[in-house]
Amino acid sequence: MIQNRFRNIVEELKGQIKNVFWSAPSCDSEACGGSVLLAVSGGMDSMCMADLFYETFGADAMAIAHCNFNLRGEESDADEAMVKAWAQERNIRLHTVSFDTVEYASSNGISIEMAARELRYAWFAGLCKKRGYQAVAVAHHAEDNAETLLLNLVRGTGLKGIAGMKAVSPMPCSGGPVPVALMRPLLS
């Protein structure tokens, strides 16, 4: 039952992506053909999303991207090891990167949170453009959306901020004439 609902949600989001603002570039990678790049931190939400994708669509329909921001010492390394092992057990394409997030934040005069956001989204966009992934899927869900809405209201938002997150949107930091699609299949 859950897998059928998840399949329907993902297929609807892929249709929005394909029909509205994105078409896959030609590439020579084995990833071409509409697979989705999943942003997997190792936390419960992203692991749940990864498992749903795997059980619903199989390994060939997805790839995993994991960022190690080196902010929590051994815990960050343990998350990376867990995600690697999970992907390898299922024969899922895996991309990993390690960032010096503190240095990036310091040299750009921004918060650690903003630095991590900029680093990950730029890397995700580059992977999508290089490997031909159809979209990046993140595990934002209804509670995240409510939190975003409340933060926007506290900061004094306009109409755009009141709407909260959309299930499909251009990815921040994706740049260029063809934006990279960001999908949130757990949002509803």
N, C-alpha and C. Protein backbone atom coordinates (compact mmCIF):
# COMPACT_ATOMS: atom_id res chain seq x y z
N MET A 1 0.82 -1.19 0.00
CA MET A 1 0.00 0.00 0.00
C MET A 1 0.87 1.26 0.00
N ILE A 2 1.84 1.34 0.94
CA ILE A 2 2.71 2.52 1.00
C ILE A 2 3.53 2.64 -0.26
N GLN A 3 4.05 1.51 -0.76
CA GLN A 3 4.86 1.57 -1.97
C GLN A 3 4.06 2.04 -3.17
N ASN A 4 2.80 1.62 -3.28
CA ASN A 4 1.96 2.08 -4.38
C ASN A 4 1.73 3.59 -4.28
N ARG A 5 1.44 4.06 -3.07
CA ARG A 5 1.24 5.50 -2.88
C ARG A 5 2.52 6.27 -3.20
N PHE A 6 3.66 5.74 -2.72
CA PHE A 6 4.94 6.39 -2.98
C PHE A 6 5.23 6.42 -4.48
N ARG A 7 4.99 5.29 -5.16
CA ARG A 7 5.21 5.24 -6.62
C ARG A 7 4.37 6.30 -7.32
N ASN A 8 3.12 6.43 -6.96
CA ASN A 8 2.24 7.42 -7.58
C ASN A 8 2.75 8.84 -7.34
N ILE A 9 3.19 9.12 -6.11
CA ILE A 9 3.70 10.45 -5.80
C ILE A 9 4.95 10.75 -6.63
N VAL A 10 5.89 9.83 -6.66
CA VAL A 10 7.14 10.05 -7.40
C VAL A 10 6.86 10.20 -8.89
N GLU A 11 6.01 9.35 -9.45
CA GLU A 11 5.71 9.45 -10.87
C GLU A 11 5.04 10.78 -11.20
N GLU A 12 4.16 11.24 -10.33
CA GLU A 12 3.53 12.55 -10.53
C GLU A 12 4.58 13.67 -10.50
N LEU A 13 5.50 13.60 -9.54
CA LEU A 13 6.55 14.62 -9.45
C LEU A 13 7.47 14.58 -10.66
N LYS A 14 7.83 13.38 -11.11
CA LYS A 14 8.66 13.26 -12.31
C LYS A 14 7.95 13.86 -13.52
N GLY A 15 6.64 13.64 -13.61
CA GLY A 15 5.87 14.23 -14.70
C GLY A 15 5.89 15.75 -14.66
N GLN A 16 5.77 16.31 -13.46
CA GLN A 16 5.85 17.77 -13.33
C GLN A 16 7.21 18.28 -13.77
N ILE A 17 8.25 17.57 -13.36
CA ILE A 17 9.61 17.98 -13.72
C ILE A 17 9.79 17.94 -15.24
N LYS A 18 9.40 16.83 -15.83
CA LYS A 18 9.60 16.65 -17.27
C LYS A 18 8.78 17.65 -18.09
N ASN A 19 7.56 17.88 -17.68
CA ASN A 19 6.67 18.73 -18.47
C ASN A 19 6.82 20.21 -18.21
N VAL A 20 7.32 20.59 -17.04
CA VAL A 20 7.32 22.00 -16.69
C VAL A 20 8.63 22.70 -16.99
N PHE A 21 9.75 22.19 -16.46
CA PHE A 21 10.94 23.03 -16.62
C PHE A 21 12.25 22.31 -16.81
N TRP A 22 12.26 21.02 -17.01
CA TRP A 22 13.55 20.37 -17.07
C TRP A 22 13.52 19.23 -18.06
N SER A 23 14.58 19.13 -18.83
CA SER A 23 14.75 17.95 -19.67
C SER A 23 16.20 17.51 -19.55
N ALA A 24 16.41 16.23 -19.49
CA ALA A 24 17.75 15.70 -19.25
C ALA A 24 18.68 16.01 -20.41
N PRO A 25 19.88 16.48 -20.12
CA PRO A 25 20.87 16.69 -21.17
C PRO A 25 21.38 15.34 -21.65
N SER A 26 21.97 15.34 -22.83
CA SER A 26 22.57 14.09 -23.27
C SER A 26 23.87 13.90 -22.50
N CYS A 27 24.17 12.67 -22.16
CA CYS A 27 25.42 12.38 -21.47
C CYS A 27 25.81 10.95 -21.75
N ASP A 28 27.06 10.62 -21.44
CA ASP A 28 27.58 9.29 -21.69
C ASP A 28 27.56 8.40 -20.46
N SER A 29 27.01 8.89 -19.39
CA SER A 29 27.03 8.16 -18.13
C SER A 29 25.96 7.07 -18.09
N GLU A 30 26.25 6.03 -17.29
CA GLU A 30 25.26 4.98 -17.08
C GLU A 30 24.05 5.49 -16.31
N ALA A 31 24.18 6.68 -15.71
CA ALA A 31 23.09 7.23 -14.91
C ALA A 31 22.01 7.88 -15.77
N CYS A 32 22.30 8.11 -17.04
CA CYS A 32 21.30 8.76 -17.89
C CYS A 32 20.06 7.88 -18.01
N GLY A 33 18.96 8.51 -18.25
CA GLY A 33 17.74 7.75 -18.45
C GLY A 33 16.69 8.00 -17.39
N GLY A 34 16.83 9.07 -16.66
CA GLY A 34 15.76 9.44 -15.75
C GLY A 34 15.91 8.99 -14.32
N SER A 35 17.09 8.50 -13.93
CA SER A 35 17.25 8.12 -12.54
C SER A 35 17.30 9.37 -11.66
N VAL A 36 17.00 9.17 -10.40
CA VAL A 36 16.92 10.27 -9.43
C VAL A 36 18.09 10.18 -8.46
N LEU A 37 18.68 11.31 -8.17
CA LEU A 37 19.76 11.40 -7.19
C LEU A 37 19.14 11.69 -5.83
N LEU A 38 19.34 10.79 -4.88
CA LEU A 38 18.77 10.95 -3.54
C LEU A 38 19.81 11.55 -2.60
N ALA A 39 19.45 12.65 -1.95
CA ALA A 39 20.31 13.26 -0.94
C ALA A 39 20.09 12.49 0.36
N VAL A 40 21.10 11.73 0.78
CA VAL A 40 20.95 10.85 1.95
C VAL A 40 22.01 11.21 2.99
N SER A 41 21.55 11.71 4.11
CA SER A 41 22.45 12.14 5.19
C SER A 41 22.82 10.99 6.12
N GLY A 42 21.97 9.98 6.18
CA GLY A 42 22.13 8.91 7.14
C GLY A 42 21.13 9.04 8.28
N GLY A 43 20.39 10.14 8.30
CA GLY A 43 19.34 10.32 9.31
C GLY A 43 18.11 9.48 8.96
N MET A 44 17.20 9.41 9.91
CA MET A 44 16.02 8.56 9.75
C MET A 44 15.18 8.94 8.53
N ASP A 45 14.95 10.23 8.32
CA ASP A 45 14.09 10.66 7.21
C ASP A 45 14.69 10.29 5.85
N SER A 46 15.98 10.60 5.65
CA SER A 46 16.58 10.32 4.34
C SER A 46 16.77 8.82 4.12
N MET A 47 17.05 8.06 5.18
CA MET A 47 17.17 6.61 5.02
C MET A 47 15.81 5.99 4.68
N CYS A 48 14.75 6.51 5.28
CA CYS A 48 13.40 6.04 4.96
C CYS A 48 13.09 6.32 3.49
N MET A 49 13.42 7.54 3.03
CA MET A 49 13.18 7.88 1.63
C MET A 49 13.99 6.96 0.71
N ALA A 50 15.25 6.73 1.04
CA ALA A 50 16.10 5.86 0.22
C ALA A 50 15.52 4.44 0.16
N ASP A 51 15.08 3.93 1.29
CA ASP A 51 14.50 2.59 1.32
C ASP A 51 13.22 2.52 0.49
N LEU A 52 12.38 3.55 0.60
CA LEU A 52 11.16 3.58 -0.22
C LEU A 52 11.49 3.60 -1.71
N PHE A 53 12.46 4.42 -2.11
CA PHE A 53 12.87 4.45 -3.52
C PHE A 53 13.37 3.08 -3.96
N TYR A 54 14.25 2.49 -3.16
CA TYR A 54 14.83 1.20 -3.52
C TYR A 54 13.76 0.12 -3.63
N GLU A 55 12.91 0.00 -2.62
CA GLU A 55 11.89 -1.03 -2.61
C GLU A 55 10.83 -0.82 -3.70
N THR A 56 10.61 0.42 -4.08
CA THR A 56 9.57 0.74 -5.07
C THR A 56 10.09 0.68 -6.49
N PHE A 57 11.29 1.22 -6.73
CA PHE A 57 11.79 1.38 -8.09
C PHE A 57 13.02 0.55 -8.41
N GLY A 58 13.76 0.09 -7.41
CA GLY A 58 14.98 -0.68 -7.64
C GLY A 58 16.21 0.19 -7.76
N ALA A 59 17.37 -0.46 -7.70
CA ALA A 59 18.65 0.23 -7.67
C ALA A 59 18.95 1.04 -8.92
N ASP A 60 18.50 0.57 -10.08
CA ASP A 60 18.83 1.26 -11.33
C ASP A 60 18.10 2.59 -11.50
N ALA A 61 17.06 2.82 -10.72
CA ALA A 61 16.28 4.05 -10.85
C ALA A 61 16.80 5.17 -9.96
N MET A 62 17.90 4.90 -9.25
CA MET A 62 18.36 5.88 -8.26
C MET A 62 19.87 5.86 -8.11
N ALA A 63 20.37 6.92 -7.51
CA ALA A 63 21.75 6.99 -7.04
C ALA A 63 21.69 7.77 -5.73
N ILE A 64 22.70 7.58 -4.92
CA ILE A 64 22.73 8.26 -3.63
C ILE A 64 23.89 9.23 -3.59
N ALA A 65 23.62 10.40 -3.00
CA ALA A 65 24.65 11.41 -2.77
C ALA A 65 24.72 11.67 -1.27
N HIS A 66 25.92 11.53 -0.71
CA HIS A 66 26.11 11.76 0.73
C HIS A 66 27.21 12.80 0.92
N CYS A 67 26.91 13.82 1.70
CA CYS A 67 27.88 14.86 2.06
C CYS A 67 28.35 14.66 3.49
N ASN A 68 29.66 14.66 3.67
CA ASN A 68 30.23 14.67 5.02
C ASN A 68 30.73 16.09 5.26
N PHE A 69 30.04 16.80 6.13
CA PHE A 69 30.38 18.20 6.40
C PHE A 69 31.45 18.34 7.48
N ASN A 70 31.87 17.21 8.06
CA ASN A 70 32.93 17.20 9.07
C ASN A 70 32.63 18.13 10.23
N LEU A 71 31.40 18.10 10.71
CA LEU A 71 30.99 18.98 11.80
C LEU A 71 30.78 18.23 13.11
N ARG A 72 30.66 16.89 13.05
CA ARG A 72 30.35 16.13 14.27
C ARG A 72 31.37 15.03 14.51
N GLY A 73 32.58 15.21 14.02
CA GLY A 73 33.66 14.26 14.27
C GLY A 73 33.32 12.84 13.84
N GLU A 74 33.48 11.91 14.78
CA GLU A 74 33.27 10.49 14.48
C GLU A 74 31.82 10.20 14.07
N GLU A 75 30.87 10.98 14.57
CA GLU A 75 29.46 10.77 14.18
C GLU A 75 29.27 11.03 12.69
N SER A 76 29.92 12.07 12.16
CA SER A 76 29.83 12.36 10.72
C SER A 76 30.40 11.20 9.91
N ASP A 77 31.56 10.69 10.36
CA ASP A 77 32.19 9.57 9.67
C ASP A 77 31.35 8.30 9.76
N ALA A 78 30.70 8.10 10.90
CA ALA A 78 29.83 6.92 11.08
C ALA A 78 28.62 7.00 10.15
N ASP A 79 28.04 8.19 10.00
CA ASP A 79 26.92 8.35 9.06
C ASP A 79 27.35 8.01 7.64
N GLU A 80 28.53 8.51 7.25
CA GLU A 80 29.03 8.22 5.91
C GLU A 80 29.25 6.72 5.72
N ALA A 81 29.84 6.06 6.70
CA ALA A 81 30.09 4.62 6.61
C ALA A 81 28.78 3.85 6.50
N MET A 82 27.77 4.26 7.28
CA MET A 82 26.49 3.57 7.24
C MET A 82 25.84 3.72 5.85
N VAL A 83 25.84 4.93 5.30
CA VAL A 83 25.23 5.17 4.00
C VAL A 83 25.98 4.37 2.92
N LYS A 84 27.31 4.37 2.99
CA LYS A 84 28.11 3.59 2.02
C LYS A 84 27.75 2.11 2.09
N ALA A 85 27.71 1.57 3.29
CA ALA A 85 27.40 0.14 3.45
C ALA A 85 26.00 -0.17 2.94
N TRP A 86 25.03 0.68 3.26
CA TRP A 86 23.65 0.46 2.82
C TRP A 86 23.58 0.45 1.30
N ALA A 87 24.23 1.41 0.65
CA ALA A 87 24.21 1.49 -0.81
C ALA A 87 24.94 0.30 -1.44
N GLN A 88 26.08 -0.07 -0.89
CA GLN A 88 26.84 -1.18 -1.45
C GLN A 88 26.09 -2.50 -1.33
N GLU A 89 25.39 -2.73 -0.22
CA GLU A 89 24.61 -3.95 -0.04
C GLU A 89 23.52 -4.09 -1.10
N ARG A 90 23.06 -2.96 -1.62
CA ARG A 90 21.96 -2.96 -2.59
C ARG A 90 22.42 -2.65 -4.01
N ASN A 91 23.73 -2.53 -4.19
CA ASN A 91 24.31 -2.24 -5.50
C ASN A 91 23.74 -0.94 -6.10
N ILE A 92 23.67 0.09 -5.27
CA ILE A 92 23.17 1.41 -5.69
C ILE A 92 24.36 2.32 -5.93
N ARG A 93 24.34 3.06 -7.04
CA ARG A 93 25.39 4.03 -7.32
C ARG A 93 25.48 5.02 -6.15
N LEU A 94 26.71 5.31 -5.74
CA LEU A 94 26.94 6.16 -4.59
C LEU A 94 27.96 7.24 -4.91
N HIS A 95 27.65 8.46 -4.54
CA HIS A 95 28.58 9.58 -4.67
C HIS A 95 28.77 10.14 -3.26
N THR A 96 30.02 10.36 -2.87
CA THR A 96 30.28 10.95 -1.56
C THR A 96 31.25 12.12 -1.74
N VAL A 97 31.16 13.06 -0.82
CA VAL A 97 32.07 14.20 -0.82
C VAL A 97 32.30 14.61 0.63
N SER A 98 33.46 15.15 0.89
CA SER A 98 33.82 15.63 2.21
C SER A 98 34.13 17.12 2.09
N PHE A 99 33.49 17.92 2.93
CA PHE A 99 33.67 19.37 2.88
C PHE A 99 34.34 19.88 4.15
N ASP A 100 35.14 20.93 4.00
CA ASP A 100 35.62 21.69 5.17
C ASP A 100 34.63 22.83 5.34
N THR A 101 33.52 22.52 5.96
CA THR A 101 32.39 23.44 6.08
C THR A 101 32.75 24.66 6.92
N VAL A 102 33.49 24.45 7.99
CA VAL A 102 33.87 25.57 8.86
C VAL A 102 34.72 26.57 8.09
N GLU A 103 35.70 26.08 7.33
CA GLU A 103 36.56 26.97 6.54
C GLU A 103 35.74 27.72 5.49
N TYR A 104 34.84 27.01 4.81
CA TYR A 104 34.01 27.65 3.78
C TYR A 104 33.15 28.75 4.40
N ALA A 105 32.55 28.48 5.55
CA ALA A 105 31.71 29.47 6.22
C ALA A 105 32.54 30.68 6.62
N SER A 106 33.71 30.44 7.17
CA SER A 106 34.57 31.53 7.62
C SER A 106 35.05 32.39 6.46
N SER A 107 35.49 31.75 5.40
CA SER A 107 36.02 32.51 4.27
C SER A 107 34.94 33.25 3.49
N ASN A 108 33.69 32.83 3.63
CA ASN A 108 32.59 33.50 2.92
C ASN A 108 31.72 34.36 3.85
N GLY A 109 32.06 34.40 5.12
CA GLY A 109 31.33 35.24 6.08
C GLY A 109 29.88 34.85 6.24
N ILE A 110 29.63 33.53 6.27
CA ILE A 110 28.25 33.05 6.40
C ILE A 110 28.17 32.04 7.54
N SER A 111 26.96 31.70 7.93
CA SER A 111 26.77 30.73 9.01
C SER A 111 27.15 29.33 8.54
N ILE A 112 27.40 28.46 9.49
CA ILE A 112 27.69 27.05 9.18
C ILE A 112 26.52 26.43 8.42
N GLU A 113 25.31 26.72 8.87
CA GLU A 113 24.12 26.18 8.22
C GLU A 113 24.03 26.62 6.75
N MET A 114 24.27 27.90 6.50
CA MET A 114 24.22 28.41 5.12
C MET A 114 25.36 27.83 4.29
N ALA A 115 26.54 27.68 4.91
CA ALA A 115 27.68 27.09 4.19
C ALA A 115 27.36 25.67 3.76
N ALA A 116 26.81 24.87 4.68
CA ALA A 116 26.47 23.48 4.35
C ALA A 116 25.43 23.44 3.24
N ARG A 117 24.47 24.34 3.29
CA ARG A 117 23.42 24.40 2.26
C ARG A 117 24.02 24.72 0.89
N GLU A 118 24.85 25.76 0.84
CA GLU A 118 25.48 26.15 -0.43
C GLU A 118 26.35 25.03 -0.98
N LEU A 119 27.17 24.44 -0.12
CA LEU A 119 28.07 23.37 -0.56
C LEU A 119 27.30 22.18 -1.12
N ARG A 120 26.28 21.72 -0.39
CA ARG A 120 25.58 20.51 -0.84
C ARG A 120 24.79 20.75 -2.12
N TYR A 121 24.06 21.88 -2.18
CA TYR A 121 23.25 22.11 -3.38
C TYR A 121 24.10 22.34 -4.62
N ALA A 122 25.23 23.01 -4.48
CA ALA A 122 26.12 23.19 -5.63
C ALA A 122 26.67 21.84 -6.08
N TRP A 123 27.03 20.98 -5.13
CA TRP A 123 27.55 19.66 -5.48
C TRP A 123 26.47 18.80 -6.13
N PHE A 124 25.25 18.82 -5.55
CA PHE A 124 24.15 18.06 -6.15
C PHE A 124 23.89 18.50 -7.59
N ALA A 125 23.85 19.81 -7.80
CA ALA A 125 23.59 20.34 -9.14
C ALA A 125 24.67 19.88 -10.12
N GLY A 126 25.92 19.93 -9.69
CA GLY A 126 27.01 19.47 -10.55
C GLY A 126 26.89 18.00 -10.90
N LEU A 127 26.53 17.18 -9.93
CA LEU A 127 26.34 15.75 -10.20
C LEU A 127 25.21 15.53 -11.21
N CYS A 128 24.11 16.24 -11.03
CA CYS A 128 22.98 16.08 -11.95
C CYS A 128 23.36 16.46 -13.36
N LYS A 129 24.05 17.56 -13.50
CA LYS A 129 24.43 18.02 -14.84
C LYS A 129 25.47 17.11 -15.47
N LYS A 130 26.41 16.62 -14.68
CA LYS A 130 27.46 15.75 -15.20
C LYS A 130 26.96 14.35 -15.51
N ARG A 131 26.10 13.81 -14.66
CA ARG A 131 25.66 12.42 -14.78
C ARG A 131 24.28 12.24 -15.40
N GLY A 132 23.55 13.35 -15.60
CA GLY A 132 22.25 13.27 -16.25
C GLY A 132 21.10 12.81 -15.36
N TYR A 133 21.23 12.99 -14.05
CA TYR A 133 20.12 12.62 -13.16
C TYR A 133 18.93 13.54 -13.41
N GLN A 134 17.75 12.98 -13.33
CA GLN A 134 16.53 13.73 -13.62
C GLN A 134 16.24 14.78 -12.56
N ALA A 135 16.56 14.48 -11.31
CA ALA A 135 16.25 15.39 -10.21
C ALA A 135 17.02 14.97 -8.97
N VAL A 136 17.01 15.84 -7.98
CA VAL A 136 17.52 15.52 -6.65
C VAL A 136 16.31 15.37 -5.74
N ALA A 137 16.24 14.26 -5.03
CA ALA A 137 15.16 14.03 -4.08
C ALA A 137 15.69 14.25 -2.67
N VAL A 138 14.96 15.04 -1.90
CA VAL A 138 15.30 15.28 -0.50
C VAL A 138 14.14 14.80 0.36
N ALA A 139 14.42 14.53 1.62
CA ALA A 139 13.43 13.90 2.50
C ALA A 139 12.64 14.89 3.34
N HIS A 140 12.48 16.11 2.85
CA HIS A 140 11.63 17.06 3.59
C HIS A 140 10.21 16.50 3.68
N HIS A 141 9.60 16.66 4.85
CA HIS A 141 8.24 16.14 5.06
C HIS A 141 7.37 17.24 5.64
N ALA A 142 6.13 16.90 5.98
CA ALA A 142 5.14 17.89 6.41
C ALA A 142 5.60 18.69 7.62
N GLU A 143 6.25 18.05 8.58
CA GLU A 143 6.74 18.79 9.75
C GLU A 143 7.82 19.79 9.37
N ASP A 144 8.70 19.42 8.44
CA ASP A 144 9.72 20.36 7.95
C ASP A 144 9.05 21.56 7.29
N ASN A 145 8.00 21.28 6.54
CA ASN A 145 7.28 22.36 5.86
C ASN A 145 6.64 23.31 6.87
N ALA A 146 6.04 22.76 7.92
CA ALA A 146 5.44 23.60 8.96
C ALA A 146 6.51 24.45 9.65
N GLU A 147 7.65 23.84 9.93
CA GLU A 147 8.75 24.58 10.56
C GLU A 147 9.24 25.72 9.66
N THR A 148 9.37 25.43 8.36
CA THR A 148 9.80 26.45 7.40
C THR A 148 8.80 27.60 7.36
N LEU A 149 7.54 27.27 7.33
CA LEU A 149 6.50 28.30 7.31
C LEU A 149 6.59 29.18 8.55
N LEU A 150 6.73 28.58 9.73
CA LEU A 150 6.84 29.35 10.97
C LEU A 150 8.08 30.24 10.98
N LEU A 151 9.20 29.70 10.54
CA LEU A 151 10.42 30.51 10.47
C LEU A 151 10.24 31.68 9.51
N ASN A 152 9.61 31.42 8.37
CA ASN A 152 9.36 32.50 7.41
C ASN A 152 8.48 33.58 8.01
N LEU A 153 7.45 33.17 8.74
CA LEU A 153 6.55 34.14 9.37
C LEU A 153 7.29 34.98 10.41
N VAL A 154 8.12 34.34 11.22
CA VAL A 154 8.89 35.06 12.24
C VAL A 154 9.83 36.07 11.60
N ARG A 155 10.38 35.71 10.47
CA ARG A 155 11.33 36.60 9.77
C ARG A 155 10.62 37.69 8.98
N GLY A 156 9.30 37.60 8.87
CA GLY A 156 8.55 38.61 8.13
C GLY A 156 8.55 38.33 6.64
N THR A 157 7.87 37.32 6.25
CA THR A 157 7.86 36.88 4.86
C THR A 157 6.74 37.52 4.05
N GLY A 158 6.86 37.37 2.75
CA GLY A 158 5.79 37.76 1.84
C GLY A 158 4.98 36.55 1.45
N LEU A 159 4.24 36.66 0.37
CA LEU A 159 3.38 35.57 -0.08
C LEU A 159 4.16 34.29 -0.40
N LYS A 160 5.34 34.44 -0.98
CA LYS A 160 6.14 33.26 -1.34
C LYS A 160 6.49 32.44 -0.09
N GLY A 161 6.86 33.10 0.99
CA GLY A 161 7.24 32.40 2.21
C GLY A 161 6.07 31.75 2.92
N ILE A 162 4.88 32.31 2.75
CA ILE A 162 3.69 31.73 3.37
C ILE A 162 3.33 30.39 2.72
N ALA A 163 3.68 30.25 1.47
CA ALA A 163 3.35 29.02 0.74
C ALA A 163 4.17 27.82 1.23
N GLY A 164 5.29 28.05 1.88
CA GLY A 164 6.14 26.95 2.32
C GLY A 164 6.87 26.29 1.16
N MET A 165 7.31 25.08 1.38
CA MET A 165 8.05 24.35 0.35
C MET A 165 7.09 23.74 -0.66
N LYS A 166 7.56 23.64 -1.88
CA LYS A 166 6.78 22.98 -2.93
C LYS A 166 7.33 21.57 -3.13
N ALA A 167 6.49 20.69 -3.63
CA ALA A 167 6.92 19.32 -3.88
C ALA A 167 7.95 19.24 -5.00
N VAL A 168 7.90 20.17 -5.94
CA VAL A 168 8.89 20.27 -7.02
C VAL A 168 9.27 21.73 -7.17
N SER A 169 10.56 21.99 -7.21
CA SER A 169 11.04 23.36 -7.40
C SER A 169 12.43 23.33 -8.01
N PRO A 170 12.86 24.48 -8.56
CA PRO A 170 14.27 24.54 -8.99
C PRO A 170 15.16 24.46 -7.76
N MET A 171 16.26 23.77 -7.86
CA MET A 171 17.15 23.62 -6.72
C MET A 171 17.94 24.91 -6.51
N PRO A 172 18.05 25.34 -5.25
CA PRO A 172 18.89 26.52 -4.98
C PRO A 172 20.31 26.25 -5.44
N CYS A 173 20.98 27.26 -5.90
CA CYS A 173 22.39 27.18 -6.29
C CYS A 173 22.62 26.35 -7.55
N SER A 174 21.58 26.00 -8.31
CA SER A 174 21.83 25.15 -9.48
C SER A 174 22.31 25.94 -10.68
N GLY A 175 22.01 27.24 -10.72
CA GLY A 175 22.54 28.13 -11.75
C GLY A 175 22.35 27.65 -13.18
N GLY A 176 22.83 28.43 -14.10
CA GLY A 176 22.78 28.08 -15.51
C GLY A 176 21.40 28.25 -16.10
N PRO A 177 21.32 28.09 -17.42
CA PRO A 177 20.05 28.29 -18.12
C PRO A 177 19.02 27.19 -17.85
N VAL A 178 19.49 26.01 -17.48
CA VAL A 178 18.58 24.90 -17.19
C VAL A 178 18.71 24.55 -15.72
N PRO A 179 17.72 24.93 -14.90
CA PRO A 179 17.83 24.63 -13.47
C PRO A 179 17.70 23.13 -13.20
N VAL A 180 18.30 22.71 -12.11
CA VAL A 180 18.19 21.33 -11.68
C VAL A 180 16.92 21.21 -10.82
N ALA A 181 16.18 20.16 -11.02
CA ALA A 181 14.93 19.96 -10.29
C ALA A 181 15.17 19.38 -8.91
N LEU A 182 14.43 19.89 -7.94
CA LEU A 182 14.45 19.38 -6.58
C LEU A 182 13.07 18.82 -6.29
N MET A 183 13.01 17.56 -5.87
CA MET A 183 11.70 16.97 -5.54
C MET A 183 11.67 16.56 -4.08
N ARG A 184 10.49 16.68 -3.50
CA ARG A 184 10.28 16.32 -2.11
C ARG A 184 9.13 15.30 -2.03
N PRO A 185 9.42 14.02 -2.27
CA PRO A 185 8.36 13.02 -2.34
C PRO A 185 7.69 12.72 -0.99
N LEU A 186 8.28 13.10 0.13
CA LEU A 186 7.69 12.84 1.44
C LEU A 186 6.91 14.05 1.98
N LEU A 187 6.83 15.11 1.20
CA LEU A 187 6.24 16.34 1.69
C LEU A 187 4.78 16.18 2.09
N SER A 188 4.05 15.36 1.36
CA SER A 188 2.63 15.17 1.69
C SER A 188 2.43 14.08 2.73
